[in-house]
C-alpha cells in the first residue's frame, strides 16, 4: 500500500520480520535459521 510504503521509505526505518509479516512485506515468518528450509518446503 502507498501510505505504508511512503512511511518506510521516508523514515528509512528498519523493521523486524514480525512487522514485515503484518504489513504483508513477507508471506511467512519462521523460526530463526529456518527460512531456507521453509522456502524449500513451499517450493
ModelCIF file with pLDDT and N, C-alpha, C, O atoms, coordinates in Angstrom:
data_MODEL
#
_entry.id   MODEL 
#
_entity.id                         1 
_entity.type                       polymer 
_entity.pdbx_number_of_molecules   1 
#
_entity_poly.entity_id                      1 
_entity_poly.type                           'polypeptide(L)' 
_entity_poly.nstd_linkage                   no 
_entity_poly.nstd_monomer                   no 
_entity_poly.pdbx_seq_one_letter_code       
;(UNK)(UNK)(UNK)(UNK)(UNK)(UNK)(UNK)(UNK)(UNK)(UNK)(UNK)(UNK)(UNK)(UNK)(UNK)(UNK)
(UNK)(UNK)(UNK)(UNK)(UNK)(UNK)(UNK)(UNK)(UNK)(UNK)(UNK)(UNK)(UNK)(UNK)(UNK)(UNK)
(UNK)(UNK)(UNK)(UNK)(UNK)(UNK)(UNK)(UNK)(UNK)(UNK)(UNK)
;
_entity_poly.pdbx_seq_one_letter_code_can   XXXXXXXXXXXXXXXXXXXXXXXXXXXXXXXXXXXXXXXXXXX 
_entity_poly.pdbx_strand_id                 A 
#
loop_
_entity_poly_seq.entity_id 
_entity_poly_seq.num 
_entity_poly_seq.mon_id 
_entity_poly_seq.hetero 
1 1  UNK n 
1 2  UNK n 
1 3  UNK n 
1 4  UNK n 
1 5  UNK n 
1 6  UNK n 
1 7  UNK n 
1 8  UNK n 
1 9  UNK n 
1 10 UNK n 
1 11 UNK n 
1 12 UNK n 
1 13 UNK n 
1 14 UNK n 
1 15 UNK n 
1 16 UNK n 
1 17 UNK n 
1 18 UNK n 
1 19 UNK n 
1 20 UNK n 
1 21 UNK n 
1 22 UNK n 
1 23 UNK n 
1 24 UNK n 
1 25 UNK n 
1 26 UNK n 
1 27 UNK n 
1 28 UNK n 
1 29 UNK n 
1 30 UNK n 
1 31 UNK n 
1 32 UNK n 
1 33 UNK n 
1 34 UNK n 
1 35 UNK n 
1 36 UNK n 
1 37 UNK n 
1 38 UNK n 
1 39 UNK n 
1 40 UNK n 
1 41 UNK n 
1 42 UNK n 
1 43 UNK n 
#
_struct_asym.id          A 
_struct_asym.entity_id   1 
#
loop_
_ma_qa_metric.id 
_ma_qa_metric.mode 
_ma_qa_metric.name 
_ma_qa_metric.software_group_id 
_ma_qa_metric.type 
1 global pLDDT . pLDDT 
2 local  pLDDT . pLDDT 
#
_ma_qa_metric_global.metric_id      1 
_ma_qa_metric_global.metric_value   96.95 
_ma_qa_metric_global.model_id       1 
_ma_qa_metric_global.ordinal_id     1 
#
loop_
_ma_qa_metric_local.label_asym_id 
_ma_qa_metric_local.label_comp_id 
_ma_qa_metric_local.label_seq_id 
_ma_qa_metric_local.metric_id 
_ma_qa_metric_local.metric_value 
_ma_qa_metric_local.model_id 
_ma_qa_metric_local.ordinal_id 
A UNK 1  2 96.00 1 1  
A UNK 2  2 97.00 1 2  
A UNK 3  2 97.00 1 3  
A UNK 4  2 97.00 1 4  
A UNK 5  2 97.00 1 5  
A UNK 6  2 97.00 1 6  
A UNK 7  2 97.00 1 7  
A UNK 8  2 97.00 1 8  
A UNK 9  2 97.00 1 9  
A UNK 10 2 97.00 1 10 
A UNK 11 2 97.00 1 11 
A UNK 12 2 96.00 1 12 
A UNK 13 2 96.00 1 13 
A UNK 14 2 97.00 1 14 
A UNK 15 2 97.00 1 15 
A UNK 16 2 97.00 1 16 
A UNK 17 2 97.00 1 17 
A UNK 18 2 97.00 1 18 
A UNK 19 2 97.00 1 19 
A UNK 20 2 97.00 1 20 
A UNK 21 2 97.00 1 21 
A UNK 22 2 96.00 1 22 
A UNK 23 2 97.00 1 23 
A UNK 24 2 96.00 1 24 
A UNK 25 2 97.00 1 25 
A UNK 26 2 97.00 1 26 
A UNK 27 2 97.00 1 27 
A UNK 28 2 97.00 1 28 
A UNK 29 2 98.00 1 29 
A UNK 30 2 98.00 1 30 
A UNK 31 2 97.00 1 31 
A UNK 32 2 97.00 1 32 
A UNK 33 2 96.00 1 33 
A UNK 34 2 97.00 1 34 
A UNK 35 2 97.00 1 35 
A UNK 36 2 97.00 1 36 
A UNK 37 2 97.00 1 37 
A UNK 38 2 97.00 1 38 
A UNK 39 2 98.00 1 39 
A UNK 40 2 98.00 1 40 
A UNK 41 2 97.00 1 41 
A UNK 42 2 97.00 1 42 
A UNK 43 2 97.00 1 43 
#
loop_
_atom_site.group_PDB 
_atom_site.id 
_atom_site.type_symbol 
_atom_site.label_atom_id 
_atom_site.label_alt_id 
_atom_site.label_comp_id 
_atom_site.label_asym_id 
_atom_site.label_entity_id 
_atom_site.label_seq_id 
_atom_site.pdbx_PDB_ins_code 
_atom_site.Cartn_x 
_atom_site.Cartn_y 
_atom_site.Cartn_z 
_atom_site.occupancy 
_atom_site.B_iso_or_equiv 
_atom_site.pdbx_formal_charge 
_atom_site.auth_seq_id 
_atom_site.auth_comp_id 
_atom_site.auth_asym_id 
_atom_site.auth_atom_id 
_atom_site.pdbx_PDB_model_num 
ATOM 1   N N  . UNK A 1 1  ? 0.820  -1.204  0.000  1.00 96.00 ? 1  UNK A N  1 
ATOM 2   C CA . UNK A 1 1  ? 0.000  0.000   0.000  1.00 96.00 ? 1  UNK A CA 1 
ATOM 3   C C  . UNK A 1 1  ? 0.860  1.263   0.000  1.00 96.00 ? 1  UNK A C  1 
ATOM 4   O O  . UNK A 1 1  ? 1.985  1.267   0.500  1.00 96.00 ? 1  UNK A O  1 
ATOM 5   N N  . UNK A 1 2  ? 0.316  2.315   -0.562 1.00 97.00 ? 2  UNK A N  1 
ATOM 6   C CA . UNK A 1 2  ? 1.082  3.542   -0.777 1.00 97.00 ? 2  UNK A CA 1 
ATOM 7   C C  . UNK A 1 2  ? 1.531  4.201   0.519  1.00 97.00 ? 2  UNK A C  1 
ATOM 8   O O  . UNK A 1 2  ? 2.710  4.524   0.663  1.00 97.00 ? 2  UNK A O  1 
ATOM 9   N N  . UNK A 1 3  ? 0.625  4.407   1.459  1.00 97.00 ? 3  UNK A N  1 
ATOM 10  C CA . UNK A 1 3  ? 0.973  5.136   2.678  1.00 97.00 ? 3  UNK A CA 1 
ATOM 11  C C  . UNK A 1 3  ? 2.011  4.383   3.508  1.00 97.00 ? 3  UNK A C  1 
ATOM 12  O O  . UNK A 1 3  ? 2.955  4.986   4.020  1.00 97.00 ? 3  UNK A O  1 
ATOM 13  N N  . UNK A 1 4  ? 1.839  3.087   3.640  1.00 97.00 ? 4  UNK A N  1 
ATOM 14  C CA . UNK A 1 4  ? 2.800  2.302   4.416  1.00 97.00 ? 4  UNK A CA 1 
ATOM 15  C C  . UNK A 1 4  ? 4.169  2.314   3.747  1.00 97.00 ? 4  UNK A C  1 
ATOM 16  O O  . UNK A 1 4  ? 5.196  2.410   4.419  1.00 97.00 ? 4  UNK A O  1 
ATOM 17  N N  . UNK A 1 5  ? 4.176  2.217   2.419  1.00 97.00 ? 5  UNK A N  1 
ATOM 18  C CA . UNK A 1 5  ? 5.453  2.258   1.697  1.00 97.00 ? 5  UNK A CA 1 
ATOM 19  C C  . UNK A 1 5  ? 6.131  3.611   1.866  1.00 97.00 ? 5  UNK A C  1 
ATOM 20  O O  . UNK A 1 5  ? 7.342  3.679   2.080  1.00 97.00 ? 5  UNK A O  1 
ATOM 21  N N  . UNK A 1 6  ? 5.357  4.684   1.772  1.00 97.00 ? 6  UNK A N  1 
ATOM 22  C CA . UNK A 1 6  ? 5.930  6.014   1.966  1.00 97.00 ? 6  UNK A CA 1 
ATOM 23  C C  . UNK A 1 6  ? 6.552  6.141   3.352  1.00 97.00 ? 6  UNK A C  1 
ATOM 24  O O  . UNK A 1 6  ? 7.647  6.684   3.499  1.00 97.00 ? 6  UNK A O  1 
ATOM 25  N N  . UNK A 1 7  ? 5.855  5.642   4.362  1.00 97.00 ? 7  UNK A N  1 
ATOM 26  C CA . UNK A 1 7  ? 6.380  5.745   5.722  1.00 97.00 ? 7  UNK A CA 1 
ATOM 27  C C  . UNK A 1 7  ? 7.724  5.032   5.846  1.00 97.00 ? 7  UNK A C  1 
ATOM 28  O O  . UNK A 1 7  ? 8.666  5.573   6.425  1.00 97.00 ? 7  UNK A O  1 
ATOM 29  N N  . UNK A 1 8  ? 7.811  3.833   5.310  1.00 97.00 ? 8  UNK A N  1 
ATOM 30  C CA . UNK A 1 8  ? 9.057  3.088   5.418  1.00 97.00 ? 8  UNK A CA 1 
ATOM 31  C C  . UNK A 1 8  ? 10.178 3.752   4.619  1.00 97.00 ? 8  UNK A C  1 
ATOM 32  O O  . UNK A 1 8  ? 11.324 3.794   5.067  1.00 97.00 ? 8  UNK A O  1 
ATOM 33  N N  . UNK A 1 9  ? 9.849  4.263   3.448  1.00 97.00 ? 9  UNK A N  1 
ATOM 34  C CA . UNK A 1 9  ? 10.873 4.907   2.616  1.00 97.00 ? 9  UNK A CA 1 
ATOM 35  C C  . UNK A 1 9  ? 11.280 6.261   3.187  1.00 97.00 ? 9  UNK A C  1 
ATOM 36  O O  . UNK A 1 9  ? 12.470 6.572   3.240  1.00 97.00 ? 9  UNK A O  1 
ATOM 37  N N  . UNK A 1 10 ? 10.311 7.073   3.616  1.00 97.00 ? 10 UNK A N  1 
ATOM 38  C CA . UNK A 1 10 ? 10.629 8.407   4.141  1.00 97.00 ? 10 UNK A CA 1 
ATOM 39  C C  . UNK A 1 10 ? 11.456 8.328   5.422  1.00 97.00 ? 10 UNK A C  1 
ATOM 40  O O  . UNK A 1 10 ? 12.354 9.143   5.634  1.00 97.00 ? 10 UNK A O  1 
ATOM 41  N N  . UNK A 1 11 ? 11.158 7.351   6.273  1.00 97.00 ? 11 UNK A N  1 
ATOM 42  C CA . UNK A 1 11 ? 11.853 7.245   7.561  1.00 97.00 ? 11 UNK A CA 1 
ATOM 43  C C  . UNK A 1 11 ? 13.136 6.431   7.475  1.00 97.00 ? 11 UNK A C  1 
ATOM 44  O O  . UNK A 1 11 ? 13.960 6.483   8.388  1.00 97.00 ? 11 UNK A O  1 
ATOM 45  N N  . UNK A 1 12 ? 13.323 5.666   6.373  1.00 96.00 ? 12 UNK A N  1 
ATOM 46  C CA . UNK A 1 12 ? 14.460 4.739   6.242  1.00 96.00 ? 12 UNK A CA 1 
ATOM 47  C C  . UNK A 1 12 ? 14.462 3.711   7.377  1.00 96.00 ? 12 UNK A C  1 
ATOM 48  O O  . UNK A 1 12 ? 15.513 3.211   7.777  1.00 96.00 ? 12 UNK A O  1 
ATOM 49  N N  . UNK A 1 13 ? 13.270 3.407   7.884  1.00 96.00 ? 13 UNK A N  1 
ATOM 50  C CA . UNK A 1 13 ? 13.156 2.537   9.056  1.00 96.00 ? 13 UNK A CA 1 
ATOM 51  C C  . UNK A 1 13 ? 13.517 1.090   8.707  1.00 96.00 ? 13 UNK A C  1 
ATOM 52  O O  . UNK A 1 13 ? 13.212 0.592   7.623  1.00 96.00 ? 13 UNK A O  1 
ATOM 53  N N  . UNK A 1 14 ? 14.169 0.443   9.656  1.00 97.00 ? 14 UNK A N  1 
ATOM 54  C CA . UNK A 1 14 ? 14.474 -0.972  9.566  1.00 97.00 ? 14 UNK A CA 1 
ATOM 55  C C  . UNK A 1 14 ? 13.485 -1.724  10.450 1.00 97.00 ? 14 UNK A C  1 
ATOM 56  O O  . UNK A 1 14 ? 13.358 -1.427  11.638 1.00 97.00 ? 14 UNK A O  1 
ATOM 57  N N  . UNK A 1 15 ? 12.798 -2.678  9.880  1.00 97.00 ? 15 UNK A N  1 
ATOM 58  C CA . UNK A 1 15 ? 11.763 -3.385  10.639 1.00 97.00 ? 15 UNK A CA 1 
ATOM 59  C C  . UNK A 1 15 ? 12.113 -4.851  10.775 1.00 97.00 ? 15 UNK A C  1 
ATOM 60  O O  . UNK A 1 15 ? 12.875 -5.399  9.978  1.00 97.00 ? 15 UNK A O  1 
ATOM 61  N N  . UNK A 1 16 ? 11.549 -5.479  11.794 1.00 97.00 ? 16 UNK A N  1 
ATOM 62  C CA . UNK A 1 16 ? 11.766 -6.899  12.018 1.00 97.00 ? 16 UNK A CA 1 
ATOM 63  C C  . UNK A 1 16 ? 10.829 -7.749  11.183 1.00 97.00 ? 16 UNK A C  1 
ATOM 64  O O  . UNK A 1 16 ? 9.909  -7.243  10.541 1.00 97.00 ? 16 UNK A O  1 
ATOM 65  N N  . UNK A 1 17 ? 11.079 -9.048  11.204 1.00 97.00 ? 17 UNK A N  1 
ATOM 66  C CA . UNK A 1 17 ? 10.306 -9.972  10.388 1.00 97.00 ? 17 UNK A CA 1 
ATOM 67  C C  . UNK A 1 17 ? 8.832  -9.995  10.780 1.00 97.00 ? 17 UNK A C  1 
ATOM 68  O O  . UNK A 1 17 ? 7.964  -10.091 9.913  1.00 97.00 ? 17 UNK A O  1 
ATOM 69  N N  . UNK A 1 18 ? 8.540  -9.908  12.084 1.00 97.00 ? 18 UNK A N  1 
ATOM 70  C CA . UNK A 1 18 ? 7.142  -9.970  12.507 1.00 97.00 ? 18 UNK A CA 1 
ATOM 71  C C  . UNK A 1 18 ? 6.357  -8.783  11.957 1.00 97.00 ? 18 UNK A C  1 
ATOM 72  O O  . UNK A 1 18 ? 5.244  -8.951  11.459 1.00 97.00 ? 18 UNK A O  1 
ATOM 73  N N  . UNK A 1 19 ? 6.931  -7.585  12.045 1.00 97.00 ? 19 UNK A N  1 
ATOM 74  C CA . UNK A 1 19 ? 6.241  -6.423  11.487 1.00 97.00 ? 19 UNK A CA 1 
ATOM 75  C C  . UNK A 1 19 ? 6.130  -6.542  9.980  1.00 97.00 ? 19 UNK A C  1 
ATOM 76  O O  . UNK A 1 19 ? 5.101  -6.190  9.401  1.00 97.00 ? 19 UNK A O  1 
ATOM 77  N N  . UNK A 1 20 ? 7.183  -7.036  9.337  1.00 97.00 ? 20 UNK A N  1 
ATOM 78  C CA . UNK A 1 20 ? 7.127  -7.235  7.882  1.00 97.00 ? 20 UNK A CA 1 
ATOM 79  C C  . UNK A 1 20 ? 6.014  -8.202  7.514  1.00 97.00 ? 20 UNK A C  1 
ATOM 80  O O  . UNK A 1 20 ? 5.352  -8.034  6.490  1.00 97.00 ? 20 UNK A O  1 
ATOM 81  N N  . UNK A 1 21 ? 5.806  -9.216  8.350  1.00 97.00 ? 21 UNK A N  1 
ATOM 82  C CA . UNK A 1 21 ? 4.714  -10.151 8.108  1.00 97.00 ? 21 UNK A CA 1 
ATOM 83  C C  . UNK A 1 21 ? 3.359  -9.493  8.255  1.00 97.00 ? 21 UNK A C  1 
ATOM 84  O O  . UNK A 1 21 ? 2.460  -9.733  7.449  1.00 97.00 ? 21 UNK A O  1 
ATOM 85  N N  . UNK A 1 22 ? 3.201  -8.657  9.285  1.00 96.00 ? 22 UNK A N  1 
ATOM 86  C CA . UNK A 1 22 ? 1.919  -7.967  9.478  1.00 96.00 ? 22 UNK A CA 1 
ATOM 87  C C  . UNK A 1 22 ? 1.621  -7.010  8.328  1.00 96.00 ? 22 UNK A C  1 
ATOM 88  O O  . UNK A 1 22 ? 0.463  -6.831  7.948  1.00 96.00 ? 22 UNK A O  1 
ATOM 89  N N  . UNK A 1 23 ? 2.656  -6.402  7.778  1.00 97.00 ? 23 UNK A N  1 
ATOM 90  C CA . UNK A 1 23 ? 2.468  -5.473  6.665  1.00 97.00 ? 23 UNK A CA 1 
ATOM 91  C C  . UNK A 1 23 ? 2.228  -6.184  5.337  1.00 97.00 ? 23 UNK A C  1 
ATOM 92  O O  . UNK A 1 23 ? 1.773  -5.568  4.373  1.00 97.00 ? 23 UNK A O  1 
ATOM 93  N N  . UNK A 1 24 ? 2.531  -7.470  5.285  1.00 96.00 ? 24 UNK A N  1 
ATOM 94  C CA . UNK A 1 24 ? 2.431  -8.194  4.022  1.00 96.00 ? 24 UNK A CA 1 
ATOM 95  C C  . UNK A 1 24 ? 3.691  -8.098  3.185  1.00 96.00 ? 24 UNK A C  1 
ATOM 96  O O  . UNK A 1 24 ? 3.699  -8.486  2.017  1.00 96.00 ? 24 UNK A O  1 
ATOM 97  N N  . UNK A 1 25 ? 4.754  -7.581  3.780  1.00 97.00 ? 25 UNK A N  1 
ATOM 98  C CA . UNK A 1 25 ? 6.024  -7.474  3.074  1.00 97.00 ? 25 UNK A CA 1 
ATOM 99  C C  . UNK A 1 25 ? 6.662  -8.851  2.891  1.00 97.00 ? 25 UNK A C  1 
ATOM 100 O O  . UNK A 1 25 ? 7.324  -9.101  1.883  1.00 97.00 ? 25 UNK A O  1 
ATOM 101 N N  . UNK A 1 26 ? 6.465  -9.736  3.856  1.00 97.00 ? 26 UNK A N  1 
ATOM 102 C CA . UNK A 1 26 ? 6.863  -11.131 3.700  1.00 97.00 ? 26 UNK A CA 1 
ATOM 103 C C  . UNK A 1 26 ? 5.629  -12.001 3.887  1.00 97.00 ? 26 UNK A C  1 
ATOM 104 O O  . UNK A 1 26 ? 4.676  -11.609 4.561  1.00 97.00 ? 26 UNK A O  1 
ATOM 105 N N  . UNK A 1 27 ? 5.653  -13.177 3.290  1.00 97.00 ? 27 UNK A N  1 
ATOM 106 C CA . UNK A 1 27 ? 4.481  -14.058 3.299  1.00 97.00 ? 27 UNK A CA 1 
ATOM 107 C C  . UNK A 1 27 ? 4.487  -15.039 4.453  1.00 97.00 ? 27 UNK A C  1 
ATOM 108 O O  . UNK A 1 27 ? 3.428  -15.448 4.929  1.00 97.00 ? 27 UNK A O  1 
ATOM 109 N N  . UNK A 1 28 ? 5.681  -15.422 4.910  1.00 97.00 ? 28 UNK A N  1 
ATOM 110 C CA . UNK A 1 28 ? 5.799  -16.342 6.028  1.00 97.00 ? 28 UNK A CA 1 
ATOM 111 C C  . UNK A 1 28 ? 6.940  -15.894 6.929  1.00 97.00 ? 28 UNK A C  1 
ATOM 112 O O  . UNK A 1 28 ? 7.992  -15.474 6.446  1.00 97.00 ? 28 UNK A O  1 
ATOM 113 N N  . UNK A 1 29 ? 6.734  -15.983 8.234  1.00 98.00 ? 29 UNK A N  1 
ATOM 114 C CA . UNK A 1 29 ? 7.792  -15.749 9.217  1.00 98.00 ? 29 UNK A CA 1 
ATOM 115 C C  . UNK A 1 29 ? 7.997  -17.056 9.962  1.00 98.00 ? 29 UNK A C  1 
ATOM 116 O O  . UNK A 1 29 ? 7.055  -17.629 10.510 1.00 98.00 ? 29 UNK A O  1 
ATOM 117 N N  . UNK A 1 30 ? 9.247  -17.523 9.976  1.00 98.00 ? 30 UNK A N  1 
ATOM 118 C CA . UNK A 1 30 ? 9.547  -18.828 10.571 1.00 98.00 ? 30 UNK A CA 1 
ATOM 119 C C  . UNK A 1 30 ? 10.660 -18.662 11.604 1.00 98.00 ? 30 UNK A C  1 
ATOM 120 O O  . UNK A 1 30 ? 11.226 -17.579 11.750 1.00 98.00 ? 30 UNK A O  1 
ATOM 121 N N  . UNK A 1 31 ? 10.961 -19.727 12.306 1.00 97.00 ? 31 UNK A N  1 
ATOM 122 C CA . UNK A 1 31 ? 11.999 -19.677 13.334 1.00 97.00 ? 31 UNK A CA 1 
ATOM 123 C C  . UNK A 1 31 ? 13.332 -19.239 12.732 1.00 97.00 ? 31 UNK A C  1 
ATOM 124 O O  . UNK A 1 31 ? 13.602 -19.511 11.562 1.00 97.00 ? 31 UNK A O  1 
ATOM 125 N N  . UNK A 1 32 ? 14.165 -18.563 13.520 1.00 97.00 ? 32 UNK A N  1 
ATOM 126 C CA . UNK A 1 32 ? 15.470 -18.132 13.007 1.00 97.00 ? 32 UNK A CA 1 
ATOM 127 C C  . UNK A 1 32 ? 16.246 -19.300 12.403 1.00 97.00 ? 32 UNK A C  1 
ATOM 128 O O  . UNK A 1 32 ? 16.295 -20.392 12.968 1.00 97.00 ? 32 UNK A O  1 
ATOM 129 N N  . UNK A 1 33 ? 16.843 -19.049 11.260 1.00 96.00 ? 33 UNK A N  1 
ATOM 130 C CA . UNK A 1 33 ? 17.631 -20.076 10.593 1.00 96.00 ? 33 UNK A CA 1 
ATOM 131 C C  . UNK A 1 33 ? 16.834 -21.068 9.776  1.00 96.00 ? 33 UNK A C  1 
ATOM 132 O O  . UNK A 1 33 ? 17.409 -21.976 9.175  1.00 96.00 ? 33 UNK A O  1 
ATOM 133 N N  . UNK A 1 34 ? 15.507 -20.914 9.741  1.00 97.00 ? 34 UNK A N  1 
ATOM 134 C CA . UNK A 1 34 ? 14.656 -21.883 9.056  1.00 97.00 ? 34 UNK A CA 1 
ATOM 135 C C  . UNK A 1 34 ? 14.040 -21.342 7.757  1.00 97.00 ? 34 UNK A C  1 
ATOM 136 O O  . UNK A 1 34 ? 13.186 -21.995 7.157  1.00 97.00 ? 34 UNK A O  1 
ATOM 137 N N  . UNK A 1 35 ? 14.472 -20.158 7.328  1.00 97.00 ? 35 UNK A N  1 
ATOM 138 C CA . UNK A 1 35 ? 13.845 -19.564 6.143  1.00 97.00 ? 35 UNK A CA 1 
ATOM 139 C C  . UNK A 1 35 ? 14.070 -20.413 4.902  1.00 97.00 ? 35 UNK A C  1 
ATOM 140 O O  . UNK A 1 35 ? 13.135 -20.642 4.134  1.00 97.00 ? 35 UNK A O  1 
ATOM 141 N N  . UNK A 1 36 ? 15.290 -20.880 4.694  1.00 97.00 ? 36 UNK A N  1 
ATOM 142 C CA . UNK A 1 36 ? 15.557 -21.689 3.507  1.00 97.00 ? 36 UNK A CA 1 
ATOM 143 C C  . UNK A 1 36 ? 14.781 -22.998 3.570  1.00 97.00 ? 36 UNK A C  1 
ATOM 144 O O  . UNK A 1 36 ? 14.196 -23.422 2.573  1.00 97.00 ? 36 UNK A O  1 
ATOM 145 N N  . UNK A 1 37 ? 14.774 -23.630 4.722  1.00 97.00 ? 37 UNK A N  1 
ATOM 146 C CA . UNK A 1 37 ? 14.035 -24.880 4.882  1.00 97.00 ? 37 UNK A CA 1 
ATOM 147 C C  . UNK A 1 37 ? 12.555 -24.681 4.569  1.00 97.00 ? 37 UNK A C  1 
ATOM 148 O O  . UNK A 1 37 ? 11.942 -25.506 3.892  1.00 97.00 ? 37 UNK A O  1 
ATOM 149 N N  . UNK A 1 38 ? 11.987 -23.587 5.063  1.00 97.00 ? 38 UNK A N  1 
ATOM 150 C CA . UNK A 1 38 ? 10.572 -23.308 4.810  1.00 97.00 ? 38 UNK A CA 1 
ATOM 151 C C  . UNK A 1 38 ? 10.334 -22.961 3.348  1.00 97.00 ? 38 UNK A C  1 
ATOM 152 O O  . UNK A 1 38 ? 9.329  -23.368 2.764  1.00 97.00 ? 38 UNK A O  1 
ATOM 153 N N  . UNK A 1 39 ? 11.262 -22.206 2.753  1.00 98.00 ? 39 UNK A N  1 
ATOM 154 C CA . UNK A 1 39 ? 11.131 -21.861 1.333  1.00 98.00 ? 39 UNK A CA 1 
ATOM 155 C C  . UNK A 1 39 ? 11.191 -23.111 0.473  1.00 98.00 ? 39 UNK A C  1 
ATOM 156 O O  . UNK A 1 39 ? 10.449 -23.230 -0.502 1.00 98.00 ? 39 UNK A O  1 
ATOM 157 N N  . UNK A 1 40 ? 12.066 -24.041 0.824  1.00 98.00 ? 40 UNK A N  1 
ATOM 158 C CA . UNK A 1 40 ? 12.156 -25.290 0.072  1.00 98.00 ? 40 UNK A CA 1 
ATOM 159 C C  . UNK A 1 40 ? 10.885 -26.116 0.229  1.00 98.00 ? 40 UNK A C  1 
ATOM 160 O O  . UNK A 1 40 ? 10.429 -26.747 -0.725 1.00 98.00 ? 40 UNK A O  1 
ATOM 161 N N  . UNK A 1 41 ? 10.316 -26.114 1.426  1.00 97.00 ? 41 UNK A N  1 
ATOM 162 C CA . UNK A 1 41 ? 9.061  -26.839 1.632  1.00 97.00 ? 41 UNK A CA 1 
ATOM 163 C C  . UNK A 1 41 ? 7.958  -26.238 0.767  1.00 97.00 ? 41 UNK A C  1 
ATOM 164 O O  . UNK A 1 41 ? 7.154  -26.966 0.186  1.00 97.00 ? 41 UNK A O  1 
ATOM 165 N N  . UNK A 1 42 ? 7.923  -24.920 0.682  1.00 97.00 ? 42 UNK A N  1 
ATOM 166 C CA . UNK A 1 42 ? 6.935  -24.246 -0.162 1.00 97.00 ? 42 UNK A CA 1 
ATOM 167 C C  . UNK A 1 42 ? 7.187  -24.564 -1.633 1.00 97.00 ? 42 UNK A C  1 
ATOM 168 O O  . UNK A 1 42 ? 6.252  -24.816 -2.392 1.00 97.00 ? 42 UNK A O  1 
ATOM 169 N N  . UNK A 1 43 ? 8.451  -24.548 -2.023 1.00 97.00 ? 43 UNK A N  1 
ATOM 170 C CA . UNK A 1 43 ? 8.799  -24.879 -3.404 1.00 97.00 ? 43 UNK A CA 1 
ATOM 171 C C  . UNK A 1 43 ? 8.371  -26.300 -3.747 1.00 97.00 ? 43 UNK A C  1 
ATOM 172 O O  . UNK A 1 43 ? 8.583  -26.755 -4.871 1.00 97.00 ? 43 UNK A O  1 
#
